[in-house]
Amino acid sequence: MGNSEVVKSLDTMADSNQSGVINRSISDRFKSLEDIDVSADGSPVLRCMISITYSVVCVVGLIGNLLVFFFIRVRRERRTSKINFFILNLAVTDFQFVLTLPFWAVDTALDFSWPFGDAMCKIILSVTVMNMYASVFFLTAMSITRYWSVASALKDRSRQTSCSIRWVSVVLWSLATVATAPTSVFSTVTTVAGEKLCLLRFPDGQYWLAVYHLQKILIAFILPMAIVSISYLLLLRLIRQRSMKSNSKRRTQVTKSVTIVVLSFFLCWMPNHAITFWGVLVKFNAVYWDKSYYIVHTYVFPVTVCLAHANSCLNPFIYCLMRKEFRKKLKDLFLRV
């Protein structure tokens, strides 16, 4: 999710004359939901901290995902592994995702004023959203694959299985591209109150923006979270019922790994989607907005975006560097250096 969607494009922005409604108190200052979104810039200290966080996440994410590329490419026989193939695709999505963070860091540091032009706004926002979808889709596919592999007692299969995994990857990338289409079409640079903002501007305003956010919550969080949770719960039950039942150490390791995977996904994304859903309810006039809405979207929402972005630098450590074989490769690499 792009940072422009968070602080500036929570809604389709008001016209310039609407943004001029600025008085002394919160209740007088904000005459409409659009005015809140235009004026809610947050504090300079918060923006500075967010920019620094984006930079750190970018560096750590680049290093972590490059290590994933290196480790999976080193041993050619491991590339046929279904899980490793998905991990490689996940690393590609996260690598592309973190490459957009310097742009959002600059945008945030400049008080959310976009300095890179309309074309880069459309490109960066589209790449950010597409890789957000792709990352979640591949995390979900990995959870299903892990359960299916244990349930069917299968190891790496023949070329037919590898081809099917490749086709699944193609489908997931295609779905991510389709889900990103509204972002690619409606992202633009708009001048509001004298500032150039990179945001989503739907022709019918609040309603379609609310629909857009709602489908994003469903497709990128609720459904994947349900599938991931069910897959790993079934996996844990299967492990307890099968031969691993007598191996308490192995069972504990698997349980720990599954817990970390599910919790990291939930904790990184839930706060952002929860506040986004609050905004959806406001846009549909299901709940009223007030001072608390302004405060949360100004000071808390940007932090939840940082947390969601941090998931892209956590994934390499969760899915690769926690595995014994990859830790051994990392140790050997450092010893050679």
Protein backbone atom coordinates (compact mmCIF):
# COMPACT_ATOMS: atom_id res chain seq x y z
CA MET A 1 0.00 0.00 0.00
CA GLY A 2 1.50 3.32 -1.03
CA ASN A 3 2.05 6.00 1.53
CA SER A 4 0.09 8.44 -0.61
CA GLU A 5 -2.98 6.26 -0.09
CA VAL A 6 -2.57 6.60 3.64
CA VAL A 7 -2.33 10.24 4.59
CA LYS A 8 -3.39 12.06 1.44
CA SER A 9 -5.66 9.78 -0.53
CA LEU A 10 -7.76 8.28 2.20
CA ASP A 11 -10.48 9.89 0.12
CA THR A 12 -10.78 11.67 -3.21
CA MET A 13 -9.46 15.08 -2.34
CA ALA A 14 -11.58 18.19 -2.05
CA ASP A 15 -11.22 21.03 -4.52
CA SER A 16 -8.79 23.81 -3.66
CA ASN A 17 -11.54 26.10 -2.39
CA GLN A 18 -12.70 23.38 0.03
CA SER A 19 -9.20 22.96 1.44
CA GLY A 20 -9.15 26.62 2.41
CA VAL A 21 -11.57 26.01 5.27
CA ILE A 22 -9.07 26.31 8.12
CA ASN A 23 -10.14 27.88 11.40
CA ARG A 24 -8.97 27.76 15.02
CA SER A 25 -10.49 24.60 16.48
CA ILE A 26 -10.76 21.05 15.20
CA SER A 27 -14.52 21.27 14.92
CA ASP A 28 -14.36 24.58 13.01
CA ARG A 29 -11.31 23.68 10.98
CA PHE A 30 -12.66 20.56 9.31
CA LYS A 31 -15.97 21.10 7.55
CA SER A 32 -15.89 17.84 5.62
CA LEU A 33 -14.15 14.50 5.44
CA GLU A 34 -12.12 15.74 2.48
CA ASP A 35 -10.78 18.69 4.48
CA ILE A 36 -9.49 16.30 7.13
CA ASP A 37 -7.61 14.29 4.56
CA VAL A 38 -6.12 17.34 2.88
CA SER A 39 -5.03 19.03 6.09
CA ALA A 40 -3.93 16.05 8.17
CA ASP A 41 -0.19 16.29 7.66
CA GLY A 42 1.02 15.00 11.02
CA SER A 43 4.04 16.30 12.90
CA PRO A 44 7.49 16.93 11.35
CA VAL A 45 9.06 14.58 13.90
CA LEU A 46 6.68 11.78 12.92
CA ARG A 47 7.36 12.34 9.22
CA CYS A 48 11.11 12.27 9.86
CA MET A 49 10.83 9.02 11.81
CA ILE A 50 8.71 7.45 9.07
CA SER A 51 11.23 8.48 6.40
CA ILE A 52 14.09 6.97 8.40
CA THR A 53 12.08 3.79 8.97
CA TYR A 54 11.41 3.46 5.24
CA SER A 55 15.13 3.84 4.56
CA VAL A 56 16.06 1.18 7.12
CA VAL A 57 13.39 -1.22 5.86
CA CYS A 58 14.64 -0.66 2.31
CA VAL A 59 18.26 -1.49 3.18
CA VAL A 60 17.40 -4.52 5.32
CA GLY A 61 14.86 -5.75 2.77
CA LEU A 62 17.31 -5.44 -0.12
CA ILE A 63 20.01 -7.36 1.76
CA GLY A 64 17.63 -10.05 3.03
CA ASN A 65 15.98 -10.69 -0.33
CA LEU A 66 19.31 -10.67 -2.19
CA LEU A 67 20.52 -13.35 0.23
CA VAL A 68 17.42 -15.38 -0.61
CA PHE A 69 18.22 -15.10 -4.33
CA PHE A 70 21.79 -16.16 -3.68
CA PHE A 71 20.99 -19.13 -1.43
CA ILE A 72 18.31 -20.58 -3.69
CA ARG A 73 20.50 -20.18 -6.78
CA VAL A 74 23.59 -21.70 -5.15
CA ARG A 75 22.20 -25.24 -4.96
CA ARG A 76 20.54 -25.92 -8.29
CA GLU A 77 18.77 -29.04 -7.09
CA ARG A 78 16.83 -27.04 -4.52
CA ARG A 79 15.20 -24.82 -7.14
CA THR A 80 12.80 -27.61 -8.03
CA SER A 81 11.36 -27.52 -4.52
CA LYS A 82 7.79 -26.24 -4.54
CA ILE A 83 8.27 -24.20 -1.38
CA ASN A 84 11.59 -22.77 -2.57
CA PHE A 85 10.03 -21.79 -5.89
CA PHE A 86 7.36 -19.83 -4.03
CA ILE A 87 9.99 -18.35 -1.70
CA LEU A 88 11.92 -17.17 -4.76
CA ASN A 89 8.80 -15.48 -6.13
CA LEU A 90 8.10 -13.98 -2.72
CA ALA A 91 11.63 -12.57 -2.65
CA VAL A 92 11.06 -11.03 -6.09
CA THR A 93 7.87 -9.30 -4.90
CA ASP A 94 9.47 -8.06 -1.68
CA PHE A 95 12.59 -6.91 -3.54
CA GLN A 96 10.51 -4.84 -5.96
CA PHE A 97 8.40 -3.57 -3.08
CA VAL A 98 11.31 -2.22 -1.03
CA LEU A 99 12.72 -0.48 -4.12
CA THR A 100 9.72 1.87 -3.96
CA LEU A 101 10.37 2.87 -0.34
CA PRO A 102 12.98 5.59 -1.09
CA PHE A 103 10.33 7.41 -3.12
CA TRP A 104 7.85 7.24 -0.25
CA ALA A 105 10.58 8.30 2.20
CA VAL A 106 11.24 11.46 0.17
CA ASP A 107 7.50 12.06 -0.27
CA THR A 108 6.97 11.80 3.49
CA ALA A 109 9.95 14.02 4.33
CA LEU A 110 8.57 16.71 1.98
CA ASP A 111 5.29 16.87 3.91
CA PHE A 112 3.69 14.39 1.50
CA SER A 113 4.36 16.62 -1.49
CA TRP A 114 5.20 14.46 -4.54
CA PRO A 115 8.28 15.78 -6.42
CA PHE A 116 8.73 13.05 -9.05
CA GLY A 117 6.02 13.87 -11.60
CA ASP A 118 2.82 12.22 -12.76
CA ALA A 119 4.41 9.29 -14.63
CA MET A 120 6.50 8.23 -11.63
CA CYS A 121 3.46 8.62 -9.38
CA LYS A 122 1.53 6.14 -11.50
CA ILE A 123 4.49 3.74 -11.79
CA ILE A 124 5.58 3.77 -8.14
CA LEU A 125 2.06 3.54 -6.74
CA SER A 126 1.18 0.70 -9.13
CA VAL A 127 4.38 -1.24 -8.38
CA THR A 128 3.82 -0.78 -4.64
CA VAL A 129 0.25 -2.06 -4.73
CA MET A 130 0.93 -4.90 -7.19
CA ASN A 131 3.76 -6.30 -5.10
CA MET A 132 1.68 -5.94 -1.95
CA TYR A 133 -0.95 -8.18 -3.53
CA ALA A 134 1.64 -10.59 -4.98
CA SER A 135 3.45 -10.93 -1.65
CA VAL A 136 0.23 -11.81 0.18
CA PHE A 137 -0.82 -14.24 -2.57
CA PHE A 138 2.50 -16.12 -2.46
CA LEU A 139 2.43 -16.28 1.35
CA THR A 140 -1.00 -17.86 1.05
CA ALA A 141 0.13 -20.29 -1.65
CA MET A 142 3.06 -21.37 0.52
CA SER A 143 0.76 -22.20 3.43
CA ILE A 144 -1.44 -24.37 1.19
CA THR A 145 1.60 -26.06 -0.36
CA ARG A 146 3.10 -26.89 3.02
CA TYR A 147 -0.08 -28.54 4.20
CA TRP A 148 -0.61 -30.38 0.92
CA SER A 149 2.97 -31.69 0.87
CA VAL A 150 2.66 -33.17 4.34
CA ALA A 151 -0.89 -34.42 3.81
CA SER A 152 -0.04 -36.27 0.61
CA ALA A 153 3.42 -37.36 1.86
CA LEU A 154 4.99 -36.00 -1.32
CA LYS A 155 8.48 -34.82 -1.96
CA ASP A 156 9.66 -33.04 -5.09
CA ARG A 157 7.92 -34.52 -8.04
CA SER A 158 8.68 -34.74 -11.69
CA ARG A 159 8.66 -32.05 -14.34
CA GLN A 160 4.87 -32.11 -14.35
CA THR A 161 4.69 -30.89 -10.75
CA SER A 162 7.29 -28.19 -11.41
CA CYS A 163 5.31 -26.99 -14.41
CA SER A 164 2.12 -26.86 -12.36
CA ILE A 165 3.87 -24.78 -9.69
CA ARG A 166 5.09 -22.42 -12.40
CA TRP A 167 1.56 -22.09 -13.74
CA VAL A 168 0.28 -21.35 -10.24
CA SER A 169 2.89 -18.59 -9.99
CA VAL A 170 1.80 -17.16 -13.34
CA VAL A 171 -1.81 -17.14 -12.15
CA LEU A 172 -0.88 -15.42 -8.87
CA TRP A 173 1.11 -12.72 -10.68
CA SER A 174 -1.81 -12.25 -13.09
CA LEU A 175 -4.28 -11.89 -10.22
CA ALA A 176 -2.02 -9.32 -8.56
CA THR A 177 -1.83 -7.39 -11.83
CA VAL A 178 -5.62 -7.41 -12.25
CA ALA A 179 -6.14 -6.31 -8.64
CA THR A 180 -3.75 -3.41 -9.28
CA ALA A 181 -5.63 -2.18 -12.37
CA PRO A 182 -7.72 0.45 -10.50
CA THR A 183 -4.54 1.87 -8.98
CA SER A 184 -2.83 2.07 -12.39
CA VAL A 185 -5.84 3.79 -13.95
CA PHE A 186 -6.80 6.27 -11.24
CA SER A 187 -3.43 7.19 -9.67
CA THR A 188 -2.41 10.73 -10.54
CA VAL A 189 -0.69 13.87 -9.27
CA THR A 190 -3.25 16.42 -8.14
CA THR A 191 -2.61 19.93 -6.85
CA VAL A 192 -4.41 20.52 -3.55
CA ALA A 193 -3.93 23.70 -1.52
CA GLY A 194 -0.82 24.49 -3.56
CA GLU A 195 0.82 21.09 -3.04
CA LYS A 196 1.27 18.29 -5.58
CA LEU A 197 -0.06 15.04 -4.15
CA CYS A 198 0.32 11.53 -5.59
CA LEU A 199 -3.03 9.90 -4.89
CA LEU A 200 -5.98 7.91 -6.18
CA ARG A 201 -8.70 10.05 -7.71
CA PHE A 202 -11.87 8.21 -8.63
CA PRO A 203 -14.42 10.01 -10.84
CA ASP A 204 -17.31 9.35 -8.45
CA GLY A 205 -15.44 10.33 -5.32
CA GLN A 206 -16.02 8.76 -1.91
CA TYR A 207 -18.14 5.77 -2.90
CA TRP A 208 -15.72 4.15 -5.34
CA LEU A 209 -12.73 4.86 -3.15
CA ALA A 210 -14.53 3.09 -0.31
CA VAL A 211 -15.29 0.13 -2.59
CA TYR A 212 -11.62 0.06 -3.65
CA HIS A 213 -10.41 -0.06 -0.04
CA LEU A 214 -13.02 -2.66 0.88
CA GLN A 215 -11.99 -5.06 -1.88
CA LYS A 216 -8.36 -4.55 -0.87
CA ILE A 217 -9.14 -5.49 2.74
CA LEU A 218 -11.00 -8.61 1.61
CA ILE A 219 -8.53 -9.78 -1.05
CA ALA A 220 -5.27 -8.78 0.62
CA PHE A 221 -6.04 -9.56 4.26
CA ILE A 222 -9.26 -11.30 5.34
CA LEU A 223 -9.30 -14.12 2.77
CA PRO A 224 -5.51 -14.76 2.87
CA MET A 225 -5.49 -14.64 6.68
CA ALA A 226 -8.32 -17.18 6.81
CA ILE A 227 -6.61 -19.50 4.31
CA VAL A 228 -3.20 -19.23 6.01
CA SER A 229 -4.69 -19.88 9.46
CA ILE A 230 -6.77 -22.86 8.31
CA SER A 231 -3.86 -24.38 6.36
CA TYR A 232 -1.45 -24.20 9.28
CA LEU A 233 -4.04 -25.41 11.81
CA LEU A 234 -4.68 -28.44 9.60
CA LEU A 235 -0.92 -28.92 9.26
CA LEU A 236 -0.43 -28.90 13.03
CA ARG A 237 -3.27 -31.36 13.51
CA LEU A 238 -1.79 -33.62 10.85
CA ILE A 239 1.63 -33.54 12.48
CA ARG A 240 0.15 -34.57 15.81
CA GLN A 241 -1.71 -37.47 14.22
CA ARG A 242 1.15 -38.89 12.16
CA SER A 243 4.61 -40.23 12.72
CA MET A 244 5.83 -36.95 14.13
CA LYS A 245 3.63 -37.58 17.14
CA SER A 246 6.47 -39.35 18.91
CA ASN A 247 8.97 -36.62 18.00
CA SER A 248 8.10 -33.85 20.44
CA LYS A 249 11.13 -31.76 19.49
CA ARG A 250 10.19 -31.72 15.82
CA ARG A 251 6.57 -30.99 16.68
CA THR A 252 7.64 -28.05 18.85
CA GLN A 253 9.82 -26.65 16.06
CA VAL A 254 7.01 -26.83 13.53
CA THR A 255 4.54 -25.27 15.96
CA LYS A 256 6.96 -22.43 16.68
CA SER A 257 7.56 -21.82 12.98
CA VAL A 258 3.85 -21.79 12.18
CA THR A 259 3.10 -19.43 15.07
CA ILE A 260 5.75 -16.96 13.92
CA VAL A 261 4.48 -17.03 10.33
CA VAL A 262 0.84 -16.44 11.25
CA LEU A 263 1.52 -13.83 13.92
CA SER A 264 3.94 -11.84 11.75
CA PHE A 265 1.41 -11.70 8.92
CA PHE A 266 -1.42 -10.75 11.28
CA LEU A 267 0.46 -8.18 13.36
CA CYS A 268 2.06 -6.45 10.37
CA TRP A 269 -1.13 -6.04 8.37
CA MET A 270 -4.05 -6.01 10.83
CA PRO A 271 -3.58 -2.47 12.24
CA ASN A 272 -3.42 -0.94 8.78
CA HIS A 273 -6.45 -2.78 7.46
CA ALA A 274 -8.43 -2.12 10.66
CA ILE A 275 -8.01 1.64 10.34
CA THR A 276 -8.64 1.43 6.61
CA PHE A 277 -11.92 -0.33 7.37
CA TRP A 278 -12.82 2.48 9.75
CA GLY A 279 -12.32 4.87 6.86
CA VAL A 280 -14.54 2.69 4.66
CA LEU A 281 -17.34 2.87 7.24
CA VAL A 282 -16.98 6.65 7.37
CA LYS A 283 -17.15 6.92 3.58
CA PHE A 284 -20.31 4.80 3.52
CA ASN A 285 -21.76 7.01 6.29
CA ALA A 286 -22.07 3.95 8.53
CA VAL A 287 -20.21 5.77 11.33
CA TYR A 288 -19.47 9.42 12.01
CA TRP A 289 -16.03 10.96 11.84
CA ASP A 290 -14.80 13.21 14.61
CA LYS A 291 -11.63 14.40 16.29
CA SER A 292 -10.53 10.82 17.02
CA TYR A 293 -10.79 9.97 13.32
CA TYR A 294 -8.54 12.91 12.50
CA ILE A 295 -5.99 12.01 15.18
CA VAL A 296 -5.83 8.33 14.21
CA HIS A 297 -5.46 9.00 10.49
CA THR A 298 -2.89 11.74 11.08
CA TYR A 299 -0.63 10.12 13.66
CA VAL A 300 -1.42 6.39 13.85
CA PHE A 301 -2.23 5.41 10.27
CA PRO A 302 1.23 6.34 8.85
CA VAL A 303 2.83 4.18 11.55
CA THR A 304 0.66 1.21 10.55
CA VAL A 305 1.85 1.63 6.97
CA CYS A 306 5.46 1.42 8.19
CA LEU A 307 4.57 -1.76 10.04
CA ALA A 308 2.98 -3.25 6.92
CA HIS A 309 6.00 -2.29 4.82
CA ALA A 310 8.30 -3.89 7.39
CA ASN A 311 6.76 -7.25 6.50
CA SER A 312 8.75 -7.17 3.26
CA CYS A 313 12.05 -7.21 5.15
CA LEU A 314 10.80 -9.75 7.69
CA ASN A 315 9.78 -12.34 5.09
CA PRO A 316 13.35 -13.37 4.12
CA PHE A 317 14.21 -14.01 7.77
CA ILE A 318 10.97 -15.84 8.51
CA TYR A 319 10.86 -18.07 5.44
CA CYS A 320 14.56 -18.62 4.75
CA LEU A 321 17.00 -17.61 7.43
CA MET A 322 15.03 -19.46 10.13
CA ARG A 323 15.61 -22.69 8.22
CA LYS A 324 18.69 -24.63 9.28
CA GLU A 325 19.99 -25.21 5.75
CA PHE A 326 19.89 -21.49 4.93
CA ARG A 327 21.51 -20.51 8.21
CA LYS A 328 24.33 -22.94 7.43
CA LYS A 329 24.79 -21.36 4.00
CA LEU A 330 24.87 -17.90 5.56
CA LYS A 331 27.49 -19.00 8.07
CA ASP A 332 29.62 -20.55 5.30
CA LEU A 333 29.29 -17.35 3.26
CA PHE A 334 30.53 -15.17 6.12
CA LEU A 335 33.40 -17.57 6.83
CA ARG A 336 34.53 -17.34 3.20
CA VAL A 337 34.33 -13.56 3.29
